[in-house]
């Protein structure tokens, strides 16, 4: 997560750390829900970002887009905002758009020969809806990881996150949202 205004001032208040913790925990829980391993989640400041999920494994375009969107959505939910803040989340939003563009390229190669073109807006809206459902359905898990990032002021590995959720009875109750139907249903994304 990049916070331009916080990077320049190097001043991190307790609230700022909480925003970052919820943002990064949103990404981490989304990865856990889809079984995508990562090295660690951190809220440590460096010259590039104020926090990150490092070593995130490869995933399909749809899952990659959803994981990217879950950070800003989690932060917005924590802040009680109804919209994403582009300033603090532009890298995640760009990552989601890159994943969606990859999917569009795949769809084009399948259907474009008939004069159809993918509907980017519908794809983005469906990915955003899935990410929103994931965050809302797994809010307790996101809070658990956020609180531990803040309390321990240390990085949490994938296995640390799984252990935390198991110890708090939250691992088995994670809910995976239905992914947008793509295979065999391309027509809904074509104009």
C-alpha atoms as a PDB file:
ATOM      1  CA  UNK A   1       0.000   0.000   0.000  1.00  0.00           C
ATOM      2  CA  UNK A   2       1.370   3.375  -0.962  1.00  0.00           C
ATOM      3  CA  UNK A   3       0.490   6.513   0.975  1.00  0.00           C
ATOM      4  CA  UNK A   4       2.244   9.387  -0.800  1.00  0.00           C
ATOM      5  CA  UNK A   5       1.461  11.910   1.908  1.00  0.00           C
ATOM      6  CA  UNK A   6       2.644   9.589   4.699  1.00  0.00           C
ATOM      7  CA  UNK A   7       5.807   8.556   2.898  1.00  0.00           C
ATOM      8  CA  UNK A   8       6.931  12.151   2.492  1.00  0.00           C
ATOM      9  CA  UNK A   9       6.279  13.090   6.092  1.00  0.00           C
ATOM     10  CA  UNK A  10       7.509   9.748   7.524  1.00  0.00           C
ATOM     11  CA  UNK A  11       5.019  10.324  10.281  1.00  0.00           C
ATOM     12  CA  UNK A  12       2.877   7.339  11.084  1.00  0.00           C
ATOM     13  CA  UNK A  13       0.151   7.809  13.622  1.00  0.00           C
ATOM     14  CA  UNK A  14      -1.629   4.972  15.365  1.00  0.00           C
ATOM     15  CA  UNK A  15      -4.644   5.503  13.073  1.00  0.00           C
ATOM     16  CA  UNK A  16      -2.472   5.393   9.972  1.00  0.00           C
ATOM     17  CA  UNK A  17      -1.005   2.080  11.126  1.00  0.00           C
ATOM     18  CA  UNK A  18      -4.527   0.762  11.654  1.00  0.00           C
ATOM     19  CA  UNK A  19      -5.570   1.778   8.116  1.00  0.00           C
ATOM     20  CA  UNK A  20      -2.518   0.036   6.728  1.00  0.00           C
ATOM     21  CA  UNK A  21      -3.081  -3.066   8.871  1.00  0.00           C
ATOM     22  CA  UNK A  22      -6.689  -3.422   7.671  1.00  0.00           C
ATOM     23  CA  UNK A  23      -5.646  -2.776   4.076  1.00  0.00           C
ATOM     24  CA  UNK A  24      -2.893  -5.419   4.083  1.00  0.00           C
ATOM     25  CA  UNK A  25      -5.017  -7.876   6.068  1.00  0.00           C
ATOM     26  CA  UNK A  26      -7.675  -7.609   3.366  1.00  0.00           C
ATOM     27  CA  UNK A  27      -5.145  -8.807   0.790  1.00  0.00           C
ATOM     28  CA  UNK A  28      -3.850 -11.546   3.121  1.00  0.00           C
ATOM     29  CA  UNK A  29      -7.287 -12.944   3.965  1.00  0.00           C
ATOM     30  CA  UNK A  30      -8.285 -12.905   0.297  1.00  0.00           C
ATOM     31  CA  UNK A  31      -5.154 -14.935  -0.501  1.00  0.00           C
ATOM     32  CA  UNK A  32      -5.974 -17.357   2.336  1.00  0.00           C
ATOM     33  CA  UNK A  33      -9.551 -17.760   1.118  1.00  0.00           C
ATOM     34  CA  UNK A  34      -8.317 -18.768  -2.346  1.00  0.00           C
ATOM     35  CA  UNK A  35      -5.445 -20.917  -1.034  1.00  0.00           C
ATOM     36  CA  UNK A  36      -2.773 -18.634  -2.493  1.00  0.00           C
ATOM     37  CA  UNK A  37       0.394 -18.804  -0.386  1.00  0.00           C
ATOM     38  CA  UNK A  38       2.452 -15.736   0.509  1.00  0.00           C
ATOM     39  CA  UNK A  39       5.707 -15.230   2.388  1.00  0.00           C
ATOM     40  CA  UNK A  40       4.455 -12.610   4.846  1.00  0.00           C
ATOM     41  CA  UNK A  41       2.191  -9.661   5.473  1.00  0.00           C
ATOM     42  CA  UNK A  42       3.732  -6.538   6.992  1.00  0.00           C
ATOM     43  CA  UNK A  43       2.872  -2.998   8.015  1.00  0.00           C
ATOM     44  CA  UNK A  44       6.515  -1.957   8.091  1.00  0.00           C
ATOM     45  CA  UNK A  45       7.425   1.233   6.292  1.00  0.00           C
ATOM     46  CA  UNK A  46       9.975   1.168   3.492  1.00  0.00           C
ATOM     47  CA  UNK A  47      10.844   3.633   0.736  1.00  0.00           C
ATOM     48  CA  UNK A  48       8.226   2.172  -1.605  1.00  0.00           C
ATOM     49  CA  UNK A  49       5.212   1.421   0.574  1.00  0.00           C
ATOM     50  CA  UNK A  50       3.768   1.514   4.057  1.00  0.00           C
ATOM     51  CA  UNK A  51       2.909  -2.175   4.088  1.00  0.00           C
ATOM     52  CA  UNK A  52       2.597  -5.160   1.810  1.00  0.00           C
ATOM     53  CA  UNK A  53       1.871  -8.819   1.290  1.00  0.00           C
ATOM     54  CA  UNK A  54       5.164 -10.274   0.081  1.00  0.00           C
ATOM     55  CA  UNK A  55       5.847 -13.346  -2.012  1.00  0.00           C
ATOM     56  CA  UNK A  56       2.261 -13.717  -3.186  1.00  0.00           C
ATOM     57  CA  UNK A  57       1.938 -16.828  -5.343  1.00  0.00           C
ATOM     58  CA  UNK A  58       0.613 -16.857  -8.893  1.00  0.00           C
ATOM     59  CA  UNK A  59      -3.111 -17.009  -9.470  1.00  0.00           C
ATOM     60  CA  UNK A  60      -5.687 -16.757 -12.214  1.00  0.00           C
ATOM     61  CA  UNK A  61      -6.618 -13.321 -13.526  1.00  0.00           C
ATOM     62  CA  UNK A  62      -9.934 -13.257 -11.669  1.00  0.00           C
ATOM     63  CA  UNK A  63      -8.430 -14.233  -8.306  1.00  0.00           C
ATOM     64  CA  UNK A  64      -5.521 -11.825  -8.758  1.00  0.00           C
ATOM     65  CA  UNK A  65      -7.945  -8.947  -9.431  1.00  0.00           C
ATOM     66  CA  UNK A  66     -10.057  -9.827  -6.393  1.00  0.00           C
ATOM     67  CA  UNK A  67      -7.019 -10.073  -4.071  1.00  0.00           C
ATOM     68  CA  UNK A  68      -5.821  -6.667  -5.322  1.00  0.00           C
ATOM     69  CA  UNK A  69      -9.214  -5.076  -4.643  1.00  0.00           C
ATOM     70  CA  UNK A  70      -9.681  -6.578  -1.163  1.00  0.00           C
ATOM     71  CA  UNK A  71      -6.997  -4.310   0.386  1.00  0.00           C
ATOM     72  CA  UNK A  72      -8.596  -0.989  -0.555  1.00  0.00           C
ATOM     73  CA  UNK A  73     -12.083  -2.341   0.186  1.00  0.00           C
ATOM     74  CA  UNK A  74     -10.980  -3.469   3.674  1.00  0.00           C
ATOM     75  CA  UNK A  75      -9.409  -0.097   4.374  1.00  0.00           C
ATOM     76  CA  UNK A  76     -12.567   1.712   3.215  1.00  0.00           C
ATOM     77  CA  UNK A  77     -14.754  -0.526   5.390  1.00  0.00           C
ATOM     78  CA  UNK A  78     -12.530   0.146   8.394  1.00  0.00           C
ATOM     79  CA  UNK A  79     -12.707   3.888   7.726  1.00  0.00           C
ATOM     80  CA  UNK A  80     -16.500   3.707   7.173  1.00  0.00           C
ATOM     81  CA  UNK A  81     -16.133   5.113   3.675  1.00  0.00           C
ATOM     82  CA  UNK A  82     -18.397   4.178   0.798  1.00  0.00           C
ATOM     83  CA  UNK A  83     -15.757   4.626  -1.883  1.00  0.00           C
ATOM     84  CA  UNK A  84     -12.161   3.622  -2.466  1.00  0.00           C
ATOM     85  CA  UNK A  85      -9.452   6.208  -1.987  1.00  0.00           C
ATOM     86  CA  UNK A  86      -7.481   6.202  -5.202  1.00  0.00           C
ATOM     87  CA  UNK A  87      -4.537   8.104  -3.652  1.00  0.00           C
ATOM     88  CA  UNK A  88      -3.677   5.401  -1.166  1.00  0.00           C
ATOM     89  CA  UNK A  89      -4.629   2.425  -3.317  1.00  0.00           C
ATOM     90  CA  UNK A  90      -3.670   3.291  -6.869  1.00  0.00           C
ATOM     91  CA  UNK A  91      -1.157   0.427  -7.128  1.00  0.00           C
ATOM     92  CA  UNK A  92      -3.775  -2.129  -6.073  1.00  0.00           C
ATOM     93  CA  UNK A  93      -6.391  -0.696  -8.412  1.00  0.00           C
ATOM     94  CA  UNK A  94      -3.832  -0.712 -11.249  1.00  0.00           C
ATOM     95  CA  UNK A  95      -2.947  -4.346 -10.421  1.00  0.00           C
ATOM     96  CA  UNK A  96      -6.621  -5.299 -10.586  1.00  0.00           C
ATOM     97  CA  UNK A  97      -6.984  -3.518 -13.924  1.00  0.00           C
ATOM     98  CA  UNK A  98      -3.888  -5.333 -15.278  1.00  0.00           C
ATOM     99  CA  UNK A  99      -5.368  -8.683 -14.252  1.00  0.00           C
ATOM    100  CA  UNK A 100      -8.675  -7.785 -15.891  1.00  0.00           C
ATOM    101  CA  UNK A 101      -6.838  -6.678 -19.049  1.00  0.00           C
ATOM    102  CA  UNK A 102      -5.092 -10.067 -19.105  1.00  0.00           C
ATOM    103  CA  UNK A 103      -8.467 -11.742 -18.903  1.00  0.00           C
ATOM    104  CA  UNK A 104      -9.772  -9.504 -21.686  1.00  0.00           C
ATOM    105  CA  UNK A 105      -6.852 -10.513 -23.899  1.00  0.00           C
ATOM    106  CA  UNK A 106      -7.748 -14.156 -23.276  1.00  0.00           C
ATOM    107  CA  UNK A 107     -11.413 -13.517 -24.054  1.00  0.00           C
ATOM    108  CA  UNK A 108     -10.477 -11.669 -27.242  1.00  0.00           C
ATOM    109  CA  UNK A 109      -8.480 -14.619 -28.477  1.00  0.00           C
ATOM    110  CA  UNK A 110     -11.518 -16.849 -27.947  1.00  0.00           C
ATOM    111  CA  UNK A 111     -14.413 -14.714 -29.180  1.00  0.00           C
ATOM    112  CA  UNK A 112     -13.046 -11.664 -30.947  1.00  0.00           C
ATOM    113  CA  UNK A 113     -13.071 -13.395 -34.316  1.00  0.00           C
ATOM    114  CA  UNK A 114     -16.892 -13.036 -34.389  1.00  0.00           C
ATOM    115  CA  UNK A 115     -16.733  -9.262 -34.004  1.00  0.00           C
ATOM    116  CA  UNK A 116     -17.436  -9.221 -30.248  1.00  0.00           C
ATOM    117  CA  UNK A 117     -15.320  -7.341 -27.773  1.00  0.00           C
ATOM    118  CA  UNK A 118     -15.103  -7.874 -24.007  1.00  0.00           C
ATOM    119  CA  UNK A 119     -17.026  -5.522 -21.778  1.00  0.00           C
ATOM    120  CA  UNK A 120     -14.357  -4.243 -19.378  1.00  0.00           C
ATOM    121  CA  UNK A 121     -16.818  -2.415 -17.152  1.00  0.00           C
ATOM    122  CA  UNK A 122     -18.900  -5.541 -16.482  1.00  0.00           C
ATOM    123  CA  UNK A 123     -15.759  -7.565 -15.738  1.00  0.00           C
ATOM    124  CA  UNK A 124     -14.452  -4.915 -13.335  1.00  0.00           C
ATOM    125  CA  UNK A 125     -17.852  -4.571 -11.627  1.00  0.00           C
ATOM    126  CA  UNK A 126     -18.138  -8.336 -11.172  1.00  0.00           C
ATOM    127  CA  UNK A 127     -14.604  -8.570  -9.735  1.00  0.00           C
ATOM    128  CA  UNK A 128     -15.317  -5.641  -7.410  1.00  0.00           C
ATOM    129  CA  UNK A 129     -18.579  -7.265  -6.253  1.00  0.00           C
ATOM    130  CA  UNK A 130     -16.784 -10.552  -5.514  1.00  0.00           C
ATOM    131  CA  UNK A 131     -14.075  -8.682  -3.572  1.00  0.00           C
ATOM    132  CA  UNK A 132     -16.705  -6.750  -1.596  1.00  0.00           C
ATOM    133  CA  UNK A 133     -18.521  -9.980  -0.704  1.00  0.00           C
ATOM    134  CA  UNK A 134     -15.215 -11.560   0.355  1.00  0.00           C
ATOM    135  CA  UNK A 135     -14.331  -8.647   2.650  1.00  0.00           C
ATOM    136  CA  UNK A 136     -17.798  -8.430   4.212  1.00  0.00           C
ATOM    137  CA  UNK A 137     -18.059 -12.208   4.679  1.00  0.00           C
ATOM    138  CA  UNK A 138     -14.599 -12.511   6.230  1.00  0.00           C
ATOM    139  CA  UNK A 139     -14.470  -9.322   8.275  1.00  0.00           C
ATOM    140  CA  UNK A 140     -13.737 -11.132  11.551  1.00  0.00           C
ATOM    141  CA  UNK A 141     -10.716 -12.805   9.942  1.00  0.00           C
ATOM    142  CA  UNK A 142      -9.481  -9.458   8.595  1.00  0.00           C
ATOM    143  CA  UNK A 143      -9.886  -7.874  12.054  1.00  0.00           C
ATOM    144  CA  UNK A 144      -8.018 -10.756  13.708  1.00  0.00           C
ATOM    145  CA  UNK A 145      -4.993 -10.460  11.426  1.00  0.00           C
ATOM    146  CA  UNK A 146      -5.047  -6.638  11.595  1.00  0.00           C
ATOM    147  CA  UNK A 147      -5.123  -6.616  15.386  1.00  0.00           C
ATOM    148  CA  UNK A 148      -2.230  -9.062  15.558  1.00  0.00           C
ATOM    149  CA  UNK A 149      -0.145  -7.083  13.071  1.00  0.00           C
ATOM    150  CA  UNK A 150      -0.636  -4.031  15.282  1.00  0.00           C
ATOM    151  CA  UNK A 151      -0.104  -5.849  18.580  1.00  0.00           C
ATOM    152  CA  UNK A 152       2.996  -7.781  17.529  1.00  0.00           C
ATOM    153  CA  UNK A 153       4.411  -4.998  15.330  1.00  0.00           C
ATOM    154  CA  UNK A 154       6.004  -7.795  13.366  1.00  0.00           C
ATOM    155  CA  UNK A 155       5.511  -9.525  10.029  1.00  0.00           C
ATOM    156  CA  UNK A 156       3.121 -12.471   9.934  1.00  0.00           C
ATOM    157  CA  UNK A 157       3.866 -15.403   7.654  1.00  0.00           C
ATOM    158  CA  UNK A 158       1.192 -17.325   5.770  1.00  0.00           C
ATOM    159  CA  UNK A 159       1.398 -20.025   8.450  1.00  0.00           C
ATOM    160  CA  UNK A 160       1.225 -17.445  11.270  1.00  0.00           C
ATOM    161  CA  UNK A 161      -2.023 -16.143   9.735  1.00  0.00           C
ATOM    162  CA  UNK A 162      -3.476 -19.649   9.406  1.00  0.00           C
ATOM    163  CA  UNK A 163      -2.492 -20.443  13.020  1.00  0.00           C
ATOM    164  CA  UNK A 164      -4.037 -17.196  14.311  1.00  0.00           C
ATOM    165  CA  UNK A 165      -7.304 -17.905  12.537  1.00  0.00           C
ATOM    166  CA  UNK A 166      -7.346 -21.541  13.735  1.00  0.00           C
ATOM    167  CA  UNK A 167      -6.640 -20.510  17.346  1.00  0.00           C
ATOM    168  CA  UNK A 168      -9.510 -18.008  17.192  1.00  0.00           C
ATOM    169  CA  UNK A 169     -11.941 -20.432  15.539  1.00  0.00           C
ATOM    170  CA  UNK A 170     -12.059 -18.349  12.365  1.00  0.00           C
ATOM    171  CA  UNK A 171     -10.206 -20.457   9.807  1.00  0.00           C
ATOM    172  CA  UNK A 172     -12.945 -22.969   8.996  1.00  0.00           C
ATOM    173  CA  UNK A 173     -15.586 -20.239   8.759  1.00  0.00           C
ATOM    174  CA  UNK A 174     -13.866 -18.352   5.930  1.00  0.00           C
ATOM    175  CA  UNK A 175     -16.255 -17.781   3.057  1.00  0.00           C
ATOM    176  CA  UNK A 176     -15.138 -17.864  -0.545  1.00  0.00           C
ATOM    177  CA  UNK A 177     -17.333 -15.747  -2.789  1.00  0.00           C
ATOM    178  CA  UNK A 178     -18.618 -17.137  -6.036  1.00  0.00           C
ATOM    179  CA  UNK A 179     -16.310 -16.076  -8.821  1.00  0.00           C
ATOM    180  CA  UNK A 180     -17.707 -14.457 -11.935  1.00  0.00           C
ATOM    181  CA  UNK A 181     -18.660 -17.243 -14.333  1.00  0.00           C
ATOM    182  CA  UNK A 182     -16.317 -17.108 -17.281  1.00  0.00           C
ATOM    183  CA  UNK A 183     -15.739 -20.539 -18.747  1.00  0.00           C
ATOM    184  CA  UNK A 184     -18.592 -21.346 -21.070  1.00  0.00           C
ATOM    185  CA  UNK A 185     -20.263 -18.014 -20.179  1.00  0.00           C
ATOM    186  CA  UNK A 186     -18.159 -15.595 -22.199  1.00  0.00           C
ATOM    187  CA  UNK A 187     -21.173 -14.019 -23.887  1.00  0.00           C
ATOM    188  CA  UNK A 188     -22.081 -12.019 -20.772  1.00  0.00           C
ATOM    189  CA  UNK A 189     -18.750 -10.185 -21.086  1.00  0.00           C
ATOM    190  CA  UNK A 190     -19.000  -9.440 -24.783  1.00  0.00           C
ATOM    191  CA  UNK A 191     -20.620  -6.437 -26.454  1.00  0.00           C
END
